[in-house]
């Protein structure tokens, strides 16, 4: 069955009030995985080998992307991993501004206090609820988050000039995506280095609990 047809069956089985659906895609031929990643780029998928995971909002239309894969003869199995529904208006808790500090604001405050020549950051986001973990990890996938340091904690690296780690602009954009979906938490910089010079390495190596990070 073509991927567009698989999506049609998945969409038909979603609740009427669905808001987001997390999808997984397993490609049949491993050698087509790189091309698949390129076609799926607009959906910002996470990837492990030939297995992809990405989210689709209710106002998005993934058919165009899936049809491109079908047209190129890329075969695979599309499956719905989880679904989020819109909360009824009567039960929606009002946002309290004094309790919600956007993650992008926290990023701007923390980076604003760094010296101009900072080069590497090892940071973490501690999400306020375990309900946010799966979706938060997906939205942060471009910065390669690691579930480490706590039950709702995701850690990542940022490199300002070169070496291993996401670019600062990408890191801030990922936090902005969390803000857009009202995923809240606390942002911390655990390690910061300035003016590092990489010799035969992709960047500094830190060790946490006996392992390299």
N, C-alpha and C. Protein backbone atom coordinates (compact mmCIF):
# COMPACT_ATOMS: atom_id res chain seq x y z
N UNK A 1 0.84 -1.19 0.00
CA UNK A 1 0.00 0.00 0.00
C UNK A 1 0.88 1.25 0.00
N UNK A 2 0.53 2.22 -0.84
CA UNK A 2 1.32 3.44 -0.92
C UNK A 2 1.20 4.25 0.37
N UNK A 3 2.20 5.11 0.59
CA UNK A 3 2.23 5.90 1.82
C UNK A 3 1.05 6.86 1.91
N UNK A 4 0.65 7.44 0.78
CA UNK A 4 -0.51 8.34 0.79
C UNK A 4 -1.76 7.59 1.23
N UNK A 5 -1.90 6.36 0.77
CA UNK A 5 -3.06 5.56 1.15
C UNK A 5 -3.01 5.18 2.63
N UNK A 6 -1.80 4.90 3.13
CA UNK A 6 -1.66 4.59 4.55
C UNK A 6 -2.05 5.79 5.40
N UNK A 7 -1.61 7.00 4.96
CA UNK A 7 -2.00 8.20 5.70
C UNK A 7 -3.50 8.39 5.68
N UNK A 8 -4.15 8.11 4.54
CA UNK A 8 -5.59 8.24 4.46
C UNK A 8 -6.30 7.36 5.47
N UNK A 9 -5.82 6.14 5.66
CA UNK A 9 -6.42 5.25 6.65
C UNK A 9 -6.17 5.75 8.07
N UNK A 10 -4.95 6.25 8.31
CA UNK A 10 -4.64 6.78 9.65
C UNK A 10 -5.52 7.99 9.96
N UNK A 11 -5.62 8.91 9.00
CA UNK A 11 -6.40 10.13 9.21
C UNK A 11 -7.87 9.80 9.45
N UNK A 12 -8.40 8.80 8.73
CA UNK A 12 -9.80 8.43 8.90
C UNK A 12 -10.09 7.89 10.29
N UNK A 13 -9.06 7.33 10.95
CA UNK A 13 -9.24 6.77 12.27
C UNK A 13 -8.94 7.72 13.41
N UNK A 14 -8.54 8.97 13.11
CA UNK A 14 -8.24 9.94 14.14
C UNK A 14 -9.52 10.54 14.71
N UNK A 15 -9.51 10.94 15.97
CA UNK A 15 -10.70 11.61 16.53
C UNK A 15 -10.95 12.94 15.84
N UNK A 16 -12.20 13.38 15.87
CA UNK A 16 -12.56 14.61 15.16
C UNK A 16 -11.82 15.83 15.72
N UNK A 17 -11.48 15.79 17.01
CA UNK A 17 -10.84 16.96 17.63
C UNK A 17 -9.33 16.80 17.72
N UNK A 18 -8.72 15.97 16.84
CA UNK A 18 -7.29 15.78 16.94
C UNK A 18 -6.53 17.07 16.60
N UNK A 19 -5.44 17.29 17.33
CA UNK A 19 -4.62 18.49 17.15
C UNK A 19 -3.27 18.15 16.53
N UNK A 20 -2.61 17.12 17.07
CA UNK A 20 -1.31 16.66 16.56
C UNK A 20 -1.32 15.15 16.52
N UNK A 21 -0.63 14.60 15.55
CA UNK A 21 -0.41 13.16 15.51
C UNK A 21 1.06 12.92 15.25
N UNK A 22 1.67 12.06 16.08
CA UNK A 22 3.06 11.67 15.89
C UNK A 22 3.10 10.42 15.03
N UNK A 23 3.86 10.46 13.96
CA UNK A 23 3.92 9.36 13.00
C UNK A 23 5.31 8.74 12.97
N UNK A 24 5.36 7.45 12.73
CA UNK A 24 6.63 6.76 12.50
C UNK A 24 6.62 6.19 11.10
N UNK A 25 7.77 6.17 10.46
CA UNK A 25 7.89 5.65 9.10
C UNK A 25 9.13 4.76 9.03
N UNK A 26 8.93 3.49 8.75
CA UNK A 26 10.03 2.56 8.57
C UNK A 26 10.17 2.28 7.08
N UNK A 27 11.37 2.62 6.54
CA UNK A 27 11.63 2.46 5.12
C UNK A 27 12.05 1.02 4.81
N UNK A 28 11.52 0.48 3.72
CA UNK A 28 11.80 -0.92 3.38
C UNK A 28 13.24 -1.13 2.94
N UNK A 29 13.80 -0.18 2.17
CA UNK A 29 15.17 -0.32 1.67
C UNK A 29 16.09 0.66 2.40
N UNK A 30 17.05 0.14 3.13
CA UNK A 30 17.96 1.00 3.89
C UNK A 30 18.68 1.99 3.00
N UNK A 31 18.98 1.60 1.77
CA UNK A 31 19.75 2.48 0.90
C UNK A 31 18.95 3.70 0.45
N UNK A 32 17.63 3.70 0.67
CA UNK A 32 16.80 4.86 0.31
C UNK A 32 16.59 5.80 1.49
N UNK A 33 17.22 5.52 2.63
CA UNK A 33 16.97 6.31 3.84
C UNK A 33 17.44 7.76 3.69
N UNK A 34 18.61 7.97 3.07
CA UNK A 34 19.11 9.34 2.94
C UNK A 34 18.19 10.17 2.06
N UNK A 35 17.69 9.58 0.97
CA UNK A 35 16.78 10.31 0.10
C UNK A 35 15.46 10.60 0.82
N UNK A 36 15.02 9.63 1.62
CA UNK A 36 13.79 9.83 2.40
C UNK A 36 13.95 11.01 3.35
N UNK A 37 15.09 11.09 4.02
CA UNK A 37 15.35 12.18 4.96
C UNK A 37 15.27 13.53 4.25
N UNK A 38 15.77 13.58 3.02
CA UNK A 38 15.76 14.83 2.26
C UNK A 38 14.32 15.23 1.91
N UNK A 39 13.52 14.27 1.48
CA UNK A 39 12.14 14.57 1.10
C UNK A 39 11.31 14.98 2.32
N UNK A 40 11.60 14.36 3.48
CA UNK A 40 10.85 14.65 4.71
C UNK A 40 11.34 15.89 5.45
N UNK A 41 12.35 16.56 4.93
CA UNK A 41 13.01 17.65 5.66
C UNK A 41 12.04 18.71 6.16
N UNK A 42 11.01 19.03 5.37
CA UNK A 42 10.08 20.08 5.78
C UNK A 42 9.26 19.70 7.01
N UNK A 43 9.22 18.41 7.33
CA UNK A 43 8.49 17.94 8.51
C UNK A 43 9.41 17.75 9.71
N UNK A 44 10.69 18.14 9.57
CA UNK A 44 11.72 18.05 10.63
C UNK A 44 11.67 16.73 11.38
N UNK A 45 11.92 15.62 10.67
CA UNK A 45 11.83 14.31 11.33
C UNK A 45 13.03 14.01 12.20
N UNK A 46 12.81 13.15 13.19
CA UNK A 46 13.90 12.50 13.88
C UNK A 46 14.23 11.22 13.12
N UNK A 47 15.48 10.78 13.19
CA UNK A 47 15.87 9.62 12.39
C UNK A 47 16.80 8.71 13.15
N UNK A 48 16.56 7.40 13.05
CA UNK A 48 17.47 6.37 13.51
C UNK A 48 17.58 5.35 12.39
N UNK A 49 18.68 5.41 11.63
CA UNK A 49 18.85 4.52 10.49
C UNK A 49 17.78 4.75 9.45
N UNK A 50 16.98 3.74 9.17
CA UNK A 50 15.90 3.86 8.18
C UNK A 50 14.55 4.06 8.84
N UNK A 51 14.56 4.42 10.13
CA UNK A 51 13.32 4.69 10.87
C UNK A 51 13.21 6.18 11.13
N UNK A 52 12.05 6.74 10.80
CA UNK A 52 11.83 8.17 10.95
C UNK A 52 10.62 8.41 11.84
N UNK A 53 10.66 9.55 12.52
CA UNK A 53 9.51 9.94 13.34
C UNK A 53 9.29 11.44 13.19
N UNK A 54 8.04 11.82 12.98
CA UNK A 54 7.73 13.23 12.78
C UNK A 54 6.28 13.48 13.19
N UNK A 55 5.96 14.76 13.38
CA UNK A 55 4.63 15.15 13.84
C UNK A 55 3.92 15.91 12.74
N UNK A 56 2.60 15.76 12.72
CA UNK A 56 1.74 16.48 11.78
C UNK A 56 0.66 17.18 12.57
N UNK A 57 0.50 18.48 12.35
CA UNK A 57 -0.56 19.24 12.98
C UNK A 57 -1.85 19.13 12.16
N UNK A 58 -2.95 19.46 12.81
CA UNK A 58 -4.25 19.38 12.14
C UNK A 58 -4.33 20.30 10.93
N UNK A 59 -3.62 21.42 10.99
CA UNK A 59 -3.67 22.38 9.89
C UNK A 59 -2.59 22.13 8.83
N UNK A 60 -1.86 21.02 8.95
CA UNK A 60 -0.85 20.67 7.96
C UNK A 60 -1.42 19.64 6.98
N UNK A 61 -0.76 19.51 5.86
CA UNK A 61 -1.18 18.53 4.86
C UNK A 61 0.06 17.73 4.41
N UNK A 62 0.25 16.52 4.96
CA UNK A 62 1.45 15.74 4.63
C UNK A 62 1.35 14.99 3.31
N UNK A 63 0.19 15.05 2.63
CA UNK A 63 0.01 14.25 1.42
C UNK A 63 1.04 14.59 0.36
N UNK A 64 1.34 15.88 0.19
CA UNK A 64 2.30 16.27 -0.85
C UNK A 64 3.65 15.62 -0.63
N UNK A 65 4.12 15.61 0.63
CA UNK A 65 5.43 15.01 0.93
C UNK A 65 5.38 13.51 0.74
N UNK A 66 4.33 12.87 1.24
CA UNK A 66 4.22 11.41 1.10
C UNK A 66 4.07 11.00 -0.36
N UNK A 67 3.38 11.82 -1.16
CA UNK A 67 3.24 11.49 -2.58
C UNK A 67 4.58 11.55 -3.30
N UNK A 68 5.45 12.46 -2.88
CA UNK A 68 6.79 12.51 -3.47
C UNK A 68 7.54 11.21 -3.21
N UNK A 69 7.41 10.69 -1.98
CA UNK A 69 8.05 9.41 -1.68
C UNK A 69 7.45 8.29 -2.54
N UNK A 70 6.12 8.29 -2.67
CA UNK A 70 5.47 7.29 -3.52
C UNK A 70 5.94 7.39 -4.96
N UNK A 71 6.02 8.63 -5.47
CA UNK A 71 6.42 8.83 -6.87
C UNK A 71 7.85 8.35 -7.13
N UNK A 72 8.68 8.39 -6.08
CA UNK A 72 10.06 7.94 -6.24
C UNK A 72 10.23 6.46 -5.92
N UNK A 73 9.11 5.79 -5.66
CA UNK A 73 9.17 4.36 -5.42
C UNK A 73 9.73 3.97 -4.07
N UNK A 74 9.68 4.89 -3.11
CA UNK A 74 10.16 4.59 -1.77
C UNK A 74 9.03 3.94 -0.98
N UNK A 75 9.26 2.71 -0.56
CA UNK A 75 8.24 1.94 0.14
C UNK A 75 8.52 1.93 1.64
N UNK A 76 7.46 1.85 2.43
CA UNK A 76 7.65 1.81 3.87
C UNK A 76 6.34 1.59 4.60
N UNK A 77 6.44 1.54 5.91
CA UNK A 77 5.28 1.35 6.76
C UNK A 77 5.06 2.60 7.60
N UNK A 78 3.92 3.25 7.40
CA UNK A 78 3.57 4.46 8.14
C UNK A 78 2.61 4.09 9.26
N UNK A 79 2.89 4.60 10.45
CA UNK A 79 2.06 4.24 11.60
C UNK A 79 1.89 5.45 12.50
N UNK A 80 0.74 5.52 13.17
CA UNK A 80 0.49 6.57 14.16
C UNK A 80 0.99 6.11 15.52
N UNK A 81 1.86 6.90 16.14
CA UNK A 81 2.43 6.55 17.44
C UNK A 81 1.56 7.10 18.56
N UNK A 82 1.16 8.34 18.45
CA UNK A 82 0.32 8.96 19.48
C UNK A 82 -0.45 10.12 18.87
N UNK A 83 -1.52 10.49 19.53
CA UNK A 83 -2.39 11.57 19.06
C UNK A 83 -2.73 12.50 20.21
N UNK A 84 -2.71 13.79 19.95
CA UNK A 84 -3.13 14.78 20.93
C UNK A 84 -4.41 15.45 20.43
N UNK A 85 -5.39 15.58 21.30
CA UNK A 85 -6.65 16.22 20.96
C UNK A 85 -6.73 17.61 21.57
N UNK A 86 -7.54 18.45 20.97
CA UNK A 86 -7.75 19.78 21.51
C UNK A 86 -8.59 19.67 22.77
N UNK A 87 -8.15 20.35 23.83
CA UNK A 87 -8.89 20.30 25.09
C UNK A 87 -10.18 21.10 24.95
N UNK A 88 -11.30 20.63 25.52
CA UNK A 88 -12.54 21.41 25.50
C UNK A 88 -12.34 22.77 26.13
N UNK A 89 -12.97 23.78 25.56
CA UNK A 89 -12.79 25.15 26.05
C UNK A 89 -13.13 25.27 27.52
N UNK A 90 -14.12 24.52 27.98
CA UNK A 90 -14.57 24.64 29.37
C UNK A 90 -13.55 24.13 30.36
N UNK A 91 -12.67 23.21 29.90
CA UNK A 91 -11.70 22.62 30.82
C UNK A 91 -10.30 23.18 30.62
N UNK A 92 -10.16 24.07 29.68
CA UNK A 92 -8.84 24.63 29.40
C UNK A 92 -8.43 25.58 30.51
N UNK A 93 -7.28 25.32 31.11
CA UNK A 93 -6.82 26.15 32.23
C UNK A 93 -6.27 27.47 31.71
N UNK A 94 -6.68 28.58 32.27
CA UNK A 94 -6.17 29.88 31.80
C UNK A 94 -4.67 30.00 32.04
N UNK A 95 -4.01 30.64 31.09
CA UNK A 95 -2.57 30.84 31.22
C UNK A 95 -2.30 31.94 32.23
N UNK A 96 -1.43 31.64 33.16
CA UNK A 96 -1.05 32.64 34.16
C UNK A 96 0.35 33.14 33.81
N UNK A 97 0.39 34.37 33.36
CA UNK A 97 1.64 34.90 32.85
C UNK A 97 2.76 34.85 33.88
N UNK A 98 2.43 35.04 35.15
CA UNK A 98 3.49 35.08 36.15
C UNK A 98 4.10 33.71 36.39
N UNK A 99 3.40 32.64 35.96
CA UNK A 99 3.89 31.30 36.19
C UNK A 99 4.59 30.72 34.96
N UNK A 100 4.44 31.36 33.82
CA UNK A 100 4.97 30.84 32.57
C UNK A 100 6.07 31.77 32.06
N UNK A 101 7.29 31.28 32.07
CA UNK A 101 8.42 32.05 31.58
C UNK A 101 8.88 31.39 30.28
N UNK A 102 8.62 31.98 29.12
CA UNK A 102 8.94 31.31 27.85
C UNK A 102 10.39 30.86 27.78
N UNK A 103 10.60 29.72 27.16
CA UNK A 103 11.95 29.17 27.05
C UNK A 103 12.85 30.05 26.20
N UNK A 104 12.29 30.72 25.19
CA UNK A 104 13.11 31.62 24.40
C UNK A 104 13.59 32.81 25.24
N UNK A 105 12.73 33.28 26.15
CA UNK A 105 13.14 34.37 27.03
C UNK A 105 14.25 33.91 27.96
N UNK A 106 14.14 32.67 28.44
CA UNK A 106 15.20 32.12 29.29
C UNK A 106 16.50 32.00 28.51
N UNK A 107 16.40 31.55 27.25
CA UNK A 107 17.59 31.45 26.39
C UNK A 107 18.24 32.82 26.21
N UNK A 108 17.43 33.83 25.89
CA UNK A 108 17.98 35.17 25.66
C UNK A 108 18.64 35.71 26.93
N UNK A 109 18.04 35.44 28.07
CA UNK A 109 18.61 35.92 29.33
C UNK A 109 19.93 35.24 29.64
N UNK A 110 19.98 33.92 29.44
CA UNK A 110 21.20 33.17 29.75
C UNK A 110 22.33 33.51 28.77
N UNK A 111 22.03 33.55 27.47
CA UNK A 111 23.08 33.86 26.50
C UNK A 111 23.52 35.32 26.62
N UNK A 112 22.60 36.19 27.04
CA UNK A 112 22.96 37.59 27.22
C UNK A 112 23.98 37.80 28.32
N UNK A 113 24.08 36.86 29.24
CA UNK A 113 25.05 36.96 30.32
C UNK A 113 26.38 36.29 30.02
N UNK A 114 26.52 35.71 28.82
CA UNK A 114 27.77 35.03 28.47
C UNK A 114 28.77 36.01 27.86
N UNK A 115 30.05 35.71 27.96
CA UNK A 115 31.04 36.56 27.29
C UNK A 115 30.91 36.47 25.78
N UNK A 116 31.31 37.49 25.04
CA UNK A 116 31.13 37.49 23.58
C UNK A 116 31.82 36.34 22.88
N UNK A 117 32.91 35.81 23.46
CA UNK A 117 33.68 34.76 22.78
C UNK A 117 33.28 33.36 23.21
N UNK A 118 32.08 33.19 23.79
CA UNK A 118 31.68 31.84 24.18
C UNK A 118 31.62 30.96 22.95
N UNK A 119 32.00 29.71 23.12
CA UNK A 119 32.07 28.81 21.97
C UNK A 119 31.24 27.56 22.11
N UNK A 120 31.08 27.05 23.35
CA UNK A 120 30.38 25.78 23.53
C UNK A 120 29.48 25.83 24.76
N UNK A 121 28.29 25.25 24.63
CA UNK A 121 27.34 25.17 25.74
C UNK A 121 26.87 23.72 25.87
N UNK A 122 26.82 23.24 27.10
CA UNK A 122 26.14 21.99 27.41
C UNK A 122 24.96 22.36 28.29
N UNK A 123 23.76 22.24 27.75
CA UNK A 123 22.59 22.74 28.46
C UNK A 123 21.51 21.68 28.62
N UNK A 124 20.47 22.04 29.35
CA UNK A 124 19.35 21.12 29.54
C UNK A 124 18.05 21.90 29.67
N UNK A 125 16.97 21.24 29.29
CA UNK A 125 15.62 21.73 29.51
C UNK A 125 14.92 20.74 30.41
N UNK A 126 14.50 21.18 31.58
CA UNK A 126 13.71 20.35 32.47
C UNK A 126 12.24 20.71 32.26
N UNK A 127 11.52 19.84 31.60
CA UNK A 127 10.12 20.11 31.28
C UNK A 127 9.26 20.02 32.53
N UNK A 128 8.21 20.83 32.57
CA UNK A 128 7.39 20.92 33.78
C UNK A 128 6.46 19.73 33.99
N UNK A 129 6.26 18.93 32.96
CA UNK A 129 5.37 17.78 33.08
C UNK A 129 5.89 16.64 32.22
N UNK A 130 5.72 15.42 32.69
CA UNK A 130 6.09 14.25 31.89
C UNK A 130 5.22 14.15 30.64
N UNK A 131 4.05 14.79 30.65
CA UNK A 131 3.19 14.79 29.47
C UNK A 131 3.86 15.51 28.30
N UNK A 132 4.81 16.40 28.60
CA UNK A 132 5.49 17.16 27.56
C UNK A 132 6.67 16.40 26.94
N UNK A 133 7.10 15.30 27.57
CA UNK A 133 8.38 14.70 27.22
C UNK A 133 8.45 14.22 25.78
N UNK A 134 7.49 13.44 25.36
CA UNK A 134 7.52 12.87 24.02
C UNK A 134 7.47 13.95 22.95
N UNK A 135 6.52 14.86 23.10
CA UNK A 135 6.37 15.93 22.12
C UNK A 135 7.57 16.88 22.18
N UNK A 136 8.05 17.17 23.40
CA UNK A 136 9.20 18.06 23.54
C UNK A 136 10.44 17.50 22.87
N UNK A 137 10.67 16.19 23.03
CA UNK A 137 11.83 15.56 22.40
C UNK A 137 11.74 15.65 20.89
N UNK A 138 10.53 15.49 20.35
CA UNK A 138 10.35 15.57 18.90
C UNK A 138 10.62 16.98 18.39
N UNK A 139 10.11 17.99 19.08
CA UNK A 139 10.34 19.38 18.64
C UNK A 139 11.79 19.80 18.79
N UNK A 140 12.51 19.17 19.73
CA UNK A 140 13.93 19.48 19.94
C UNK A 140 14.85 18.61 19.10
N UNK A 141 14.31 17.72 18.29
CA UNK A 141 15.14 16.76 17.56
C UNK A 141 16.27 17.39 16.74
N UNK A 142 16.12 18.59 16.16
CA UNK A 142 17.24 19.17 15.42
C UNK A 142 18.49 19.43 16.26
N UNK A 143 18.36 19.53 17.60
CA UNK A 143 19.53 19.75 18.45
C UNK A 143 19.99 18.44 19.09
N UNK A 144 19.43 17.30 18.63
CA UNK A 144 19.84 15.99 19.09
C UNK A 144 19.78 15.85 20.61
N UNK A 145 18.61 16.01 21.22
CA UNK A 145 18.52 15.98 22.68
C UNK A 145 18.74 14.57 23.24
N UNK A 146 19.27 14.51 24.45
CA UNK A 146 19.46 13.24 25.15
C UNK A 146 18.60 13.25 26.41
N UNK A 147 17.84 12.20 26.62
CA UNK A 147 17.00 12.08 27.82
C UNK A 147 17.91 11.62 28.96
N UNK A 148 18.40 12.59 29.70
CA UNK A 148 19.43 12.31 30.69
C UNK A 148 19.43 13.41 31.74
N UNK A 149 19.62 13.03 33.01
CA UNK A 149 19.71 14.01 34.08
C UNK A 149 18.47 14.11 34.92
N UNK A 150 17.36 13.49 34.51
CA UNK A 150 16.11 13.55 35.26
C UNK A 150 14.99 12.99 34.42
N UNK A 151 13.86 12.65 35.03
CA UNK A 151 12.77 12.01 34.29
C UNK A 151 12.16 12.88 33.20
N UNK A 152 12.25 14.19 33.34
CA UNK A 152 11.68 15.08 32.31
C UNK A 152 12.75 16.02 31.74
N UNK A 153 14.00 15.59 31.80
CA UNK A 153 15.12 16.44 31.38
C UNK A 153 15.68 16.00 30.04
N UNK A 154 15.90 16.96 29.16
CA UNK A 154 16.51 16.73 27.86
C UNK A 154 17.75 17.61 27.75
N UNK A 155 18.88 16.99 27.45
CA UNK A 155 20.14 17.75 27.36
C UNK A 155 20.62 17.84 25.92
N UNK A 156 21.36 18.91 25.65
CA UNK A 156 21.82 19.15 24.29
C UNK A 156 23.08 20.00 24.31
N UNK A 157 23.76 20.05 23.17
CA UNK A 157 24.98 20.86 23.04
C UNK A 157 24.79 21.91 21.96
N UNK A 158 25.46 23.05 22.16
CA UNK A 158 25.42 24.16 21.21
C UNK A 158 26.85 24.60 20.94
N UNK A 159 27.17 24.82 19.68
CA UNK A 159 28.50 25.32 19.30
C UNK A 159 28.32 26.60 18.49
N UNK A 160 28.94 27.68 18.94
CA UNK A 160 28.71 28.97 18.29
C UNK A 160 29.46 29.11 16.98
N UNK A 161 30.68 28.55 16.89
CA UNK A 161 31.49 28.77 15.70
C UNK A 161 31.72 27.49 14.91
N UNK A 162 32.14 26.42 15.58
CA UNK A 162 32.43 25.17 14.88
C UNK A 162 32.42 24.03 15.88
N UNK A 163 32.44 22.81 15.35
CA UNK A 163 32.50 21.65 16.21
C UNK A 163 31.14 21.03 16.49
N UNK A 164 31.13 20.07 17.39
CA UNK A 164 29.92 19.30 17.68
C UNK A 164 28.92 20.14 18.47
N UNK A 165 27.71 20.16 18.00
CA UNK A 165 26.66 20.91 18.67
C UNK A 165 25.82 21.69 17.68
N UNK A 166 24.59 21.99 18.07
CA UNK A 166 23.69 22.75 17.19
C UNK A 166 24.11 24.22 17.14
N UNK A 167 23.76 24.88 16.07
CA UNK A 167 24.01 26.32 15.96
C UNK A 167 23.10 27.06 16.94
N UNK A 168 23.54 28.19 17.48
CA UNK A 168 22.70 28.94 18.43
C UNK A 168 21.32 29.28 17.87
N UNK A 169 21.26 29.68 16.62
CA UNK A 169 19.97 30.02 16.03
C UNK A 169 19.03 28.83 15.97
N UNK A 170 19.57 27.65 15.68
CA UNK A 170 18.74 26.45 15.65
C UNK A 170 18.24 26.10 17.04
N UNK A 171 19.13 26.23 18.04
CA UNK A 171 18.73 25.93 19.42
C UNK A 171 17.59 26.85 19.87
N UNK A 172 17.73 28.14 19.56
CA UNK A 172 16.67 29.08 19.96
C UNK A 172 15.37 28.79 19.22
N UNK A 173 15.47 28.41 17.94
CA UNK A 173 14.26 28.12 17.17
C UNK A 173 13.54 26.89 17.75
N UNK A 174 14.29 25.89 18.19
CA UNK A 174 13.67 24.71 18.79
C UNK A 174 12.94 25.08 20.07
N UNK A 175 13.53 25.95 20.87
CA UNK A 175 12.86 26.41 22.09
C UNK A 175 11.62 27.22 21.74
N UNK A 176 11.69 27.98 20.65
CA UNK A 176 10.54 28.75 20.21
C UNK A 176 9.39 27.82 19.82
N UNK A 177 9.72 26.68 19.22
CA UNK A 177 8.70 25.70 18.87
C UNK A 177 8.01 25.14 20.12
N UNK A 178 8.77 24.94 21.19
CA UNK A 178 8.16 24.50 22.44
C UNK A 178 7.22 25.58 22.98
N UNK A 179 7.66 26.83 22.92
CA UNK A 179 6.81 27.94 23.38
C UNK A 179 5.51 27.99 22.59
N UNK A 180 5.59 27.78 21.30
CA UNK A 180 4.41 27.86 20.44
C UNK A 180 3.36 26.83 20.82
N UNK A 181 3.80 25.70 21.38
CA UNK A 181 2.85 24.65 21.77
C UNK A 181 2.64 24.64 23.29
N UNK A 182 3.04 25.74 23.95
CA UNK A 182 2.82 25.92 25.39
C UNK A 182 3.46 24.80 26.22
N UNK A 183 4.61 24.33 25.75
CA UNK A 183 5.40 23.37 26.50
C UNK A 183 6.38 24.16 27.35
N UNK A 184 6.25 24.08 28.65
CA UNK A 184 7.02 24.93 29.56
C UNK A 184 8.07 24.12 30.30
N UNK A 185 9.05 24.83 30.83
CA UNK A 185 10.12 24.17 31.57
C UNK A 185 11.17 25.16 32.00
N UNK A 186 12.25 24.64 32.55
CA UNK A 186 13.36 25.45 33.03
C UNK A 186 14.60 25.15 32.20
N UNK A 187 15.22 26.19 31.66
CA UNK A 187 16.42 26.06 30.85
C UNK A 187 17.65 26.37 31.70
N UNK A 188 18.66 25.51 31.62
CA UNK A 188 19.90 25.73 32.36
C UNK A 188 21.09 25.47 31.46
N UNK A 189 22.16 26.23 31.68
CA UNK A 189 23.44 25.95 31.04
C UNK A 189 24.33 25.28 32.08
N UNK A 190 24.66 24.02 31.86
CA UNK A 190 25.46 23.26 32.83
C UNK A 190 26.96 23.51 32.66
N UNK A 191 27.39 23.67 31.41
CA UNK A 191 28.80 23.93 31.13
C UNK A 191 28.88 24.95 30.00
N UNK A 192 29.80 25.89 30.12
CA UNK A 192 30.03 26.88 29.07
C UNK A 192 31.54 27.08 28.92
N UNK A 193 32.01 27.06 27.69
CA UNK A 193 33.42 27.31 27.40
C UNK A 193 33.55 28.47 26.42
N UNK A 194 34.69 29.14 26.48
CA UNK A 194 34.96 30.26 25.58
C UNK A 194 36.22 30.00 24.78
N UNK A 195 36.19 30.46 23.53
CA UNK A 195 37.37 30.48 22.66
C UNK A 195 38.08 29.13 22.61
N UNK A 196 37.33 28.03 22.47
CA UNK A 196 37.96 26.72 22.37
C UNK A 196 38.61 26.57 21.01
N UNK A 197 39.69 25.81 20.96
CA UNK A 197 40.40 25.52 19.71
C UNK A 197 40.39 24.01 19.53
N UNK A 198 39.76 23.56 18.44
CA UNK A 198 39.58 22.13 18.23
C UNK A 198 40.77 21.55 17.47
N UNK A 199 41.52 20.69 18.09
CA UNK A 199 42.66 20.03 17.47
C UNK A 199 42.37 18.53 17.43
N UNK A 200 42.16 18.01 16.23
CA UNK A 200 41.85 16.59 16.03
C UNK A 200 40.62 16.15 16.82
N UNK A 201 39.66 17.03 16.95
CA UNK A 201 38.43 16.70 17.66
C UNK A 201 37.31 17.58 17.15
N UNK A 202 36.08 17.19 17.40
CA UNK A 202 34.92 17.97 16.99
C UNK A 202 34.44 18.91 18.08
N UNK A 203 35.18 18.97 19.17
CA UNK A 203 34.77 19.85 20.25
C UNK A 203 35.16 19.29 21.61
N UNK A 204 34.88 20.03 22.68
CA UNK A 204 35.25 19.57 24.02
C UNK A 204 34.45 18.34 24.43
N UNK A 205 35.02 17.58 25.33
CA UNK A 205 34.36 16.40 25.87
C UNK A 205 34.17 16.59 27.35
N UNK A 206 32.92 16.52 27.79
CA UNK A 206 32.61 16.56 29.22
C UNK A 206 32.20 15.18 29.67
N UNK A 207 32.42 14.89 30.93
CA UNK A 207 32.03 13.60 31.46
C UNK A 207 31.02 13.81 32.59
N UNK A 208 29.90 13.11 32.50
CA UNK A 208 28.85 13.16 33.49
C UNK A 208 28.56 11.74 33.95
N UNK A 209 28.70 11.49 35.24
CA UNK A 209 28.43 10.16 35.81
C UNK A 209 29.20 9.07 35.08
N UNK A 210 30.45 9.39 34.73
CA UNK A 210 31.31 8.39 34.12
C UNK A 210 31.15 8.20 32.63
N UNK A 211 30.34 9.02 31.98
CA UNK A 211 30.18 8.87 30.54
C UNK A 211 30.42 10.20 29.84
N UNK A 212 30.86 10.12 28.59
CA UNK A 212 31.13 11.32 27.81
C UNK A 212 29.82 11.90 27.30
N UNK A 213 29.73 13.24 27.30
CA UNK A 213 28.52 13.90 26.80
C UNK A 213 28.91 14.97 25.80
